[in-house]
N, C-alpha and C. Protein backbone atom coordinates (compact mmCIF):
# COMPACT_ATOMS: atom_id res chain seq x y z
N UNK A 1 91.94 121.28 -26.90
CA UNK A 1 92.11 121.50 -25.52
C UNK A 1 92.20 120.28 -23.68
N UNK A 2 91.17 119.35 -24.26
CA UNK A 2 90.52 118.31 -23.47
C UNK A 2 91.43 116.96 -23.99
N UNK A 3 92.06 117.06 -25.13
CA UNK A 3 93.44 115.88 -25.80
C UNK A 3 94.88 116.55 -24.62
N UNK A 4 95.15 117.12 -24.49
CA UNK A 4 95.62 117.96 -24.28
C UNK A 4 96.19 117.33 -22.42
N UNK A 5 94.40 118.04 -21.54
CA UNK A 5 94.44 117.93 -20.64
C UNK A 5 94.28 116.29 -20.01
N UNK A 6 92.92 115.10 -21.22
CA UNK A 6 94.02 113.98 -21.11
C UNK A 6 95.31 113.60 -20.65
N UNK A 7 95.86 113.56 -22.23
CA UNK A 7 97.65 112.78 -21.66
C UNK A 7 98.20 113.26 -20.67
N UNK A 8 97.57 114.87 -20.40
CA UNK A 8 98.44 114.83 -18.66
C UNK A 8 98.09 114.74 -17.76
N UNK A 9 96.81 114.16 -17.55
CA UNK A 9 96.23 113.69 -16.43
C UNK A 9 96.67 111.75 -16.31
N UNK A 10 96.04 111.38 -17.44
CA UNK A 10 96.27 110.25 -17.19
C UNK A 10 98.42 109.57 -17.35
N UNK A 11 98.73 110.48 -17.79
CA UNK A 11 100.88 110.44 -17.75
C UNK A 11 100.69 110.12 -16.23
N UNK A 12 100.28 111.58 -15.23
CA UNK A 12 100.48 111.69 -13.53
C UNK A 12 99.94 110.21 -13.77
N UNK A 13 98.32 110.37 -13.75
CA UNK A 13 98.62 109.52 -13.57
C UNK A 13 99.84 108.05 -12.96
N UNK A 14 99.44 107.53 -14.23
CA UNK A 14 100.52 106.27 -14.38
C UNK A 14 101.15 106.71 -13.91
N UNK A 15 102.70 107.54 -13.68
CA UNK A 15 103.44 107.69 -13.25
C UNK A 15 104.25 107.78 -11.67
N UNK A 16 102.02 108.17 -11.05
CA UNK A 16 101.73 107.87 -9.63
C UNK A 16 101.94 106.38 -9.10
N UNK A 17 101.47 105.40 -10.00
CA UNK A 17 101.25 104.52 -10.32
C UNK A 17 102.45 103.48 -10.16
N UNK A 18 103.24 103.99 -10.83
CA UNK A 18 105.37 103.36 -10.43
C UNK A 18 105.32 103.43 -9.89
N UNK A 19 105.23 105.28 -9.28
CA UNK A 19 106.22 105.14 -7.77
C UNK A 19 105.12 104.54 -6.82
N UNK A 20 103.79 103.92 -6.91
CA UNK A 20 103.94 103.56 -6.09
C UNK A 20 104.04 101.71 -5.75
N UNK A 21 104.20 101.13 -6.89
CA UNK A 21 104.41 99.81 -7.21
C UNK A 21 106.00 99.82 -7.25
N UNK A 22 106.69 101.32 -7.57
CA UNK A 22 108.16 101.08 -6.70
C UNK A 22 107.88 101.30 -5.89
N UNK A 23 107.35 101.55 -4.63
CA UNK A 23 106.89 101.35 -3.44
C UNK A 23 107.79 100.24 -2.37
N UNK A 24 106.21 99.29 -2.99
CA UNK A 24 106.42 98.04 -3.37
C UNK A 24 107.11 96.54 -2.97
N UNK A 25 107.73 97.25 -4.67
CA UNK A 25 108.25 96.36 -5.07
C UNK A 25 109.94 96.46 -4.74
N UNK A 26 110.55 97.60 -4.71
CA UNK A 26 112.13 97.38 -4.67
C UNK A 26 112.50 97.44 -2.51
N UNK A 27 113.84 96.74 -3.45
CA UNK A 27 113.85 96.67 -1.94
C UNK A 27 115.05 96.57 -0.41
N UNK A 28 114.65 97.76 -0.39
CA UNK A 28 115.64 98.75 0.99
C UNK A 28 115.21 100.11 0.81
N UNK A 29 114.75 100.89 1.60
CA UNK A 29 114.95 102.35 1.55
C UNK A 29 115.31 103.10 0.59
N UNK A 30 116.66 103.18 0.46
CA UNK A 30 117.23 103.85 -0.57
C UNK A 30 116.34 104.06 -2.11
N UNK A 31 116.15 102.48 -2.51
CA UNK A 31 115.69 102.49 -3.68
C UNK A 31 114.77 103.22 -3.26
N UNK A 32 113.68 102.59 -2.65
CA UNK A 32 112.68 103.46 -2.88
C UNK A 32 112.07 104.40 -2.74
N UNK A 33 113.27 105.51 -1.67
CA UNK A 33 112.72 107.26 -1.60
C UNK A 33 113.01 107.14 -2.81
N UNK A 34 114.43 106.77 -4.11
CA UNK A 34 114.44 107.13 -4.91
C UNK A 34 113.43 107.03 -6.26
N UNK A 35 112.37 105.72 -6.54
CA UNK A 35 111.55 105.11 -6.64
C UNK A 35 110.31 106.03 -6.34
N UNK A 36 109.97 106.46 -4.95
CA UNK A 36 109.02 107.29 -5.13
C UNK A 36 109.66 109.40 -5.12
N UNK A 37 110.77 109.32 -5.00
CA UNK A 37 111.15 110.92 -5.51
C UNK A 37 111.00 111.70 -6.67
N UNK A 38 111.68 110.33 -7.95
CA UNK A 38 111.64 111.11 -8.73
C UNK A 38 110.17 110.52 -10.23
N UNK A 39 109.18 109.83 -9.40
CA UNK A 39 108.67 109.52 -10.30
C UNK A 39 106.93 110.55 -9.67
N UNK A 40 107.19 110.73 -8.17
CA UNK A 40 106.37 110.83 -8.03
C UNK A 40 106.16 112.77 -7.95
N UNK A 41 107.60 113.51 -8.04
CA UNK A 41 107.52 113.95 -8.80
C UNK A 41 105.78 114.68 -9.93
N UNK A 42 107.18 113.79 -10.76
CA UNK A 42 106.53 114.22 -12.09
C UNK A 42 105.43 113.82 -12.47
N UNK A 43 105.30 112.56 -11.61
CA UNK A 43 102.88 112.34 -11.71
C UNK A 43 102.55 113.45 -11.20
N UNK A 44 103.10 114.50 -9.81
CA UNK A 44 101.82 115.28 -9.14
C UNK A 44 101.96 116.12 -10.17
N UNK A 45 102.43 116.87 -10.54
CA UNK A 45 103.07 118.20 -11.96
C UNK A 45 102.66 118.20 -12.90
N UNK A 46 102.58 116.08 -12.73
CA UNK A 46 102.01 116.07 -14.71
C UNK A 46 100.17 116.53 -14.42
N UNK A 47 99.38 115.66 -13.17
CA UNK A 47 98.62 115.29 -12.94
C UNK A 47 97.56 117.07 -12.51
N UNK A 48 98.71 118.21 -12.37
CA UNK A 48 98.73 119.65 -11.85
C UNK A 48 97.94 120.23 -12.67
N UNK A 49 98.67 120.65 -13.64
CA UNK A 49 99.20 120.77 -14.64
C UNK A 49 97.82 120.47 -15.71
N UNK A 50 97.58 119.35 -15.74
CA UNK A 50 96.53 119.34 -16.66
C UNK A 50 94.61 119.77 -15.86
N UNK A 51 95.01 119.79 -14.54
CA UNK A 51 94.01 119.96 -14.35
C UNK A 51 94.34 121.55 -14.07
N UNK A 52 95.21 122.97 -14.48
CA UNK A 52 95.36 123.73 -14.48
C UNK A 52 94.66 124.11 -16.10
N UNK A 53 95.19 123.29 -17.25
CA UNK A 53 95.01 123.44 -18.36
C UNK A 53 93.25 123.53 -18.83
N UNK A 54 92.65 122.37 -17.63
CA UNK A 54 91.41 122.05 -17.67
C UNK A 54 90.45 123.43 -17.54
N UNK A 55 91.04 123.94 -16.44
CA UNK A 55 90.24 125.41 -15.48
C UNK A 55 90.59 126.49 -16.05
N UNK A 56 91.40 126.45 -17.15
CA UNK A 56 91.59 127.88 -17.65
C UNK A 56 92.59 128.81 -17.12
N UNK A 57 92.14 130.08 -18.04
CA UNK A 57 92.81 131.38 -17.51
C UNK A 57 92.04 132.03 -15.97
N UNK A 58 92.55 131.71 -14.87
CA UNK A 58 91.52 131.67 -13.52
C UNK A 58 92.01 131.83 -12.26
N UNK A 59 91.92 132.50 -11.29
CA UNK A 59 92.64 132.71 -10.10
C UNK A 59 93.36 130.76 -9.61
N UNK A 60 91.68 130.23 -9.77
CA UNK A 60 92.98 128.45 -9.36
C UNK A 60 93.68 128.63 -9.83
N UNK A 61 93.77 128.59 -11.22
CA UNK A 61 94.96 128.13 -12.16
C UNK A 61 96.26 128.62 -11.38
N UNK A 62 96.32 129.89 -10.80
CA UNK A 62 97.56 130.35 -10.90
C UNK A 62 97.67 129.74 -9.28
N UNK A 63 97.15 129.56 -9.01
CA UNK A 63 97.07 128.76 -7.06
C UNK A 63 97.86 127.19 -7.67
N UNK A 64 97.11 127.05 -8.18
CA UNK A 64 97.60 125.06 -8.59
C UNK A 64 98.63 125.44 -9.60
N UNK A 65 99.12 126.55 -10.22
CA UNK A 65 100.96 126.66 -11.35
C UNK A 65 101.46 127.26 -9.77
N UNK A 66 101.31 127.73 -8.76
CA UNK A 66 102.07 127.60 -7.44
C UNK A 66 102.15 126.14 -6.57
N UNK A 67 101.66 125.51 -6.73
CA UNK A 67 101.29 124.56 -6.14
C UNK A 67 102.82 123.71 -6.08
N UNK A 68 102.52 123.82 -8.42
CA UNK A 68 103.22 122.23 -8.91
C UNK A 68 104.70 123.14 -8.90
N UNK A 69 105.19 124.84 -8.52
CA UNK A 69 106.17 124.73 -8.40
C UNK A 69 106.45 124.68 -7.00
N UNK A 70 106.31 124.06 -5.95
CA UNK A 70 105.94 124.41 -4.58
C UNK A 70 106.51 122.83 -4.38
N UNK A 71 106.11 121.73 -4.70
CA UNK A 71 106.31 120.41 -5.65
C UNK A 71 107.44 120.17 -5.68
N UNK A 72 107.44 120.69 -7.16
CA UNK A 72 108.92 120.94 -7.91
C UNK A 72 110.27 121.23 -6.81
N UNK A 73 110.36 122.11 -6.43
CA UNK A 73 111.03 122.67 -5.27
C UNK A 73 111.40 121.99 -3.96
N UNK A 74 110.10 121.55 -3.31
CA UNK A 74 110.05 120.19 -1.72
C UNK A 74 109.56 119.36 -1.84
N UNK A 75 109.39 118.74 -3.18
CA UNK A 75 109.70 117.27 -2.86
C UNK A 75 110.83 116.68 -3.10
N UNK A 76 111.46 116.91 -4.31
CA UNK A 76 113.06 116.18 -3.90
C UNK A 76 113.84 116.88 -3.06
N UNK A 77 113.16 117.92 -2.41
CA UNK A 77 114.84 118.12 -1.81
C UNK A 77 114.34 117.92 0.03
N UNK A 78 113.66 117.23 -0.02
CA UNK A 78 112.56 116.77 1.30
C UNK A 78 113.20 114.84 1.11
N UNK A 79 113.11 114.43 -0.74
CA UNK A 79 113.49 113.26 -0.19
C UNK A 79 115.08 113.24 0.14
N UNK A 80 116.02 113.89 -0.87
CA UNK A 80 116.98 113.61 -0.98
C UNK A 80 118.00 114.53 1.40
N UNK A 81 116.53 114.63 1.38
CA UNK A 81 118.15 114.98 3.03
C UNK A 81 117.19 113.69 4.26
N UNK A 82 116.17 113.21 3.57
CA UNK A 82 115.34 112.22 4.18
C UNK A 82 116.35 110.84 3.65
N UNK A 83 116.52 110.92 3.48
CA UNK A 83 117.98 109.77 2.95
C UNK A 83 119.43 109.78 3.46
N UNK A 84 119.14 111.47 3.07
CA UNK A 84 120.88 111.55 3.53
C UNK A 84 120.66 111.57 5.31
N UNK A 85 119.39 111.74 5.86
CA UNK A 85 119.49 111.88 6.98
C UNK A 85 119.60 109.81 7.77
N UNK A 86 119.38 109.34 6.99
CA UNK A 86 118.78 107.13 6.84
C UNK A 86 120.89 106.93 6.68
N UNK A 87 121.11 108.18 6.06
CA UNK A 87 122.05 107.37 5.48
C UNK A 87 123.62 107.86 7.23
N UNK A 88 123.36 108.85 7.35
CA UNK A 88 123.97 109.05 8.97
C UNK A 88 123.60 108.76 10.50
N UNK A 89 122.59 108.02 9.91
CA UNK A 89 122.33 107.15 11.37
C UNK A 89 122.50 105.88 10.90
N UNK A 90 123.65 105.35 10.04
CA UNK A 90 123.54 104.60 10.22
C UNK A 90 123.05 103.48 9.29
N UNK A 91 122.11 103.77 8.29
CA UNK A 91 121.39 102.70 7.82
C UNK A 91 122.41 101.97 6.52
N UNK A 92 122.47 101.16 6.27
CA UNK A 92 122.86 101.03 5.02
C UNK A 92 122.57 100.16 3.85
N UNK A 93 122.92 99.89 3.14
CA UNK A 93 121.58 100.33 1.78
C UNK A 93 122.18 97.97 1.48
N UNK A 94 121.01 98.18 0.70
CA UNK A 94 120.82 96.93 0.62
C UNK A 94 122.19 96.08 -0.18
N UNK A 95 122.33 94.91 0.12
CA UNK A 95 123.08 94.11 -1.08
C UNK A 95 122.65 92.69 -1.20
N UNK A 96 122.14 92.12 -2.00
CA UNK A 96 122.60 90.64 -2.62
C UNK A 96 123.58 90.17 -1.12
N UNK A 97 123.57 88.67 -1.11
CA UNK A 97 124.19 88.14 -0.07
C UNK A 97 124.34 87.02 -0.84
N UNK A 98 125.81 86.42 -1.12
CA UNK A 98 125.24 84.13 -1.63
C UNK A 98 126.59 84.11 -0.71
N UNK A 99 125.89 82.35 -1.23
CA UNK A 99 125.48 81.37 -0.19
C UNK A 99 126.95 80.63 -0.61
N UNK A 100 127.71 80.13 0.24
CA UNK A 100 129.21 79.79 -0.49
C UNK A 100 128.82 79.13 -2.12
N UNK A 101 127.59 78.17 -2.23
CA UNK A 101 128.21 78.10 -3.38
C UNK A 101 127.62 78.66 -4.89
N UNK A 102 127.21 79.66 -4.79
CA UNK A 102 127.23 80.83 -6.35
C UNK A 102 125.79 81.20 -5.87
N UNK A 103 125.06 80.66 -5.20
CA UNK A 103 123.51 81.15 -5.28
C UNK A 103 122.87 82.17 -4.32
N UNK A 104 122.00 82.83 -4.53
CA UNK A 104 121.09 83.75 -3.71
C UNK A 104 120.08 82.65 -2.90
N UNK A 105 120.00 83.65 -1.43
CA UNK A 105 119.40 83.38 -0.18
C UNK A 105 117.89 82.86 -1.42
N UNK A 106 117.22 82.79 -0.45
CA UNK A 106 115.42 82.63 -0.70
C UNK A 106 115.47 83.98 -0.35
N UNK A 107 116.03 84.68 0.95
CA UNK A 107 115.08 85.55 0.86
C UNK A 107 115.51 87.52 -0.72
N UNK A 108 116.71 87.61 -0.86
CA UNK A 108 117.26 87.56 -1.88
C UNK A 108 115.38 87.35 -2.99
N UNK A 109 116.05 85.85 -3.34
CA UNK A 109 114.78 85.38 -4.18
C UNK A 109 113.96 86.42 -4.38
N UNK A 110 113.53 86.46 -3.31
CA UNK A 110 111.80 87.20 -3.12
C UNK A 110 111.69 88.63 -3.38
N UNK A 111 113.06 89.18 -3.94
CA UNK A 111 113.29 90.61 -3.22
C UNK A 111 113.50 90.68 -5.46
N UNK A 112 112.84 89.62 -6.32
CA UNK A 112 113.79 89.72 -7.42
C UNK A 112 114.86 89.57 -7.65
N UNK A 113 115.97 89.01 -7.28
CA UNK A 113 117.50 88.76 -7.46
C UNK A 113 117.77 88.41 -8.33
N UNK A 114 118.10 88.51 -9.20
CA UNK A 114 118.90 87.16 -10.25
C UNK A 114 120.30 86.59 -9.63
N UNK A 115 119.55 84.85 -10.40
CA UNK A 115 120.57 84.08 -9.46
C UNK A 115 122.31 85.01 -11.19
N UNK A 116 123.11 84.93 -10.32
CA UNK A 116 124.73 85.32 -10.94
C UNK A 116 125.04 83.84 -10.93
N UNK A 117 125.73 83.56 -12.05
CA UNK A 117 126.72 82.61 -11.27
C UNK A 117 128.57 83.33 -12.39
N UNK A 118 129.23 82.75 -11.33
CA UNK A 118 131.07 82.78 -12.55
C UNK A 118 131.40 81.32 -12.60
N UNK A 119 131.80 81.86 -14.35
CA UNK A 119 132.44 81.13 -14.27
C UNK A 119 132.02 79.93 -15.83
């Protein structure tokens, strides 16, 4: 039982760490909300599931499971609503801009864009 709790907690911590890294490293609003919306939901559910398994069958476990269900429904819905509101307000997705000779701008290199040359 303890091995399952540790696995769930470590899995949740991993996905929450990936979410934080995605929030810091990705270039624009839409990519960041995508990374956070997916991995934060999974990480939170894994952590709460590990906590529920560790607690055993008690009233607090039922409350934790209700919170997990709420996170499963509310987090992706809120992420979608925020992204849709940003798109409707005119926020354009990030695109990589190239110079005339085919090189990537310096600002794009800072975001990890790869140099693509045709020819």
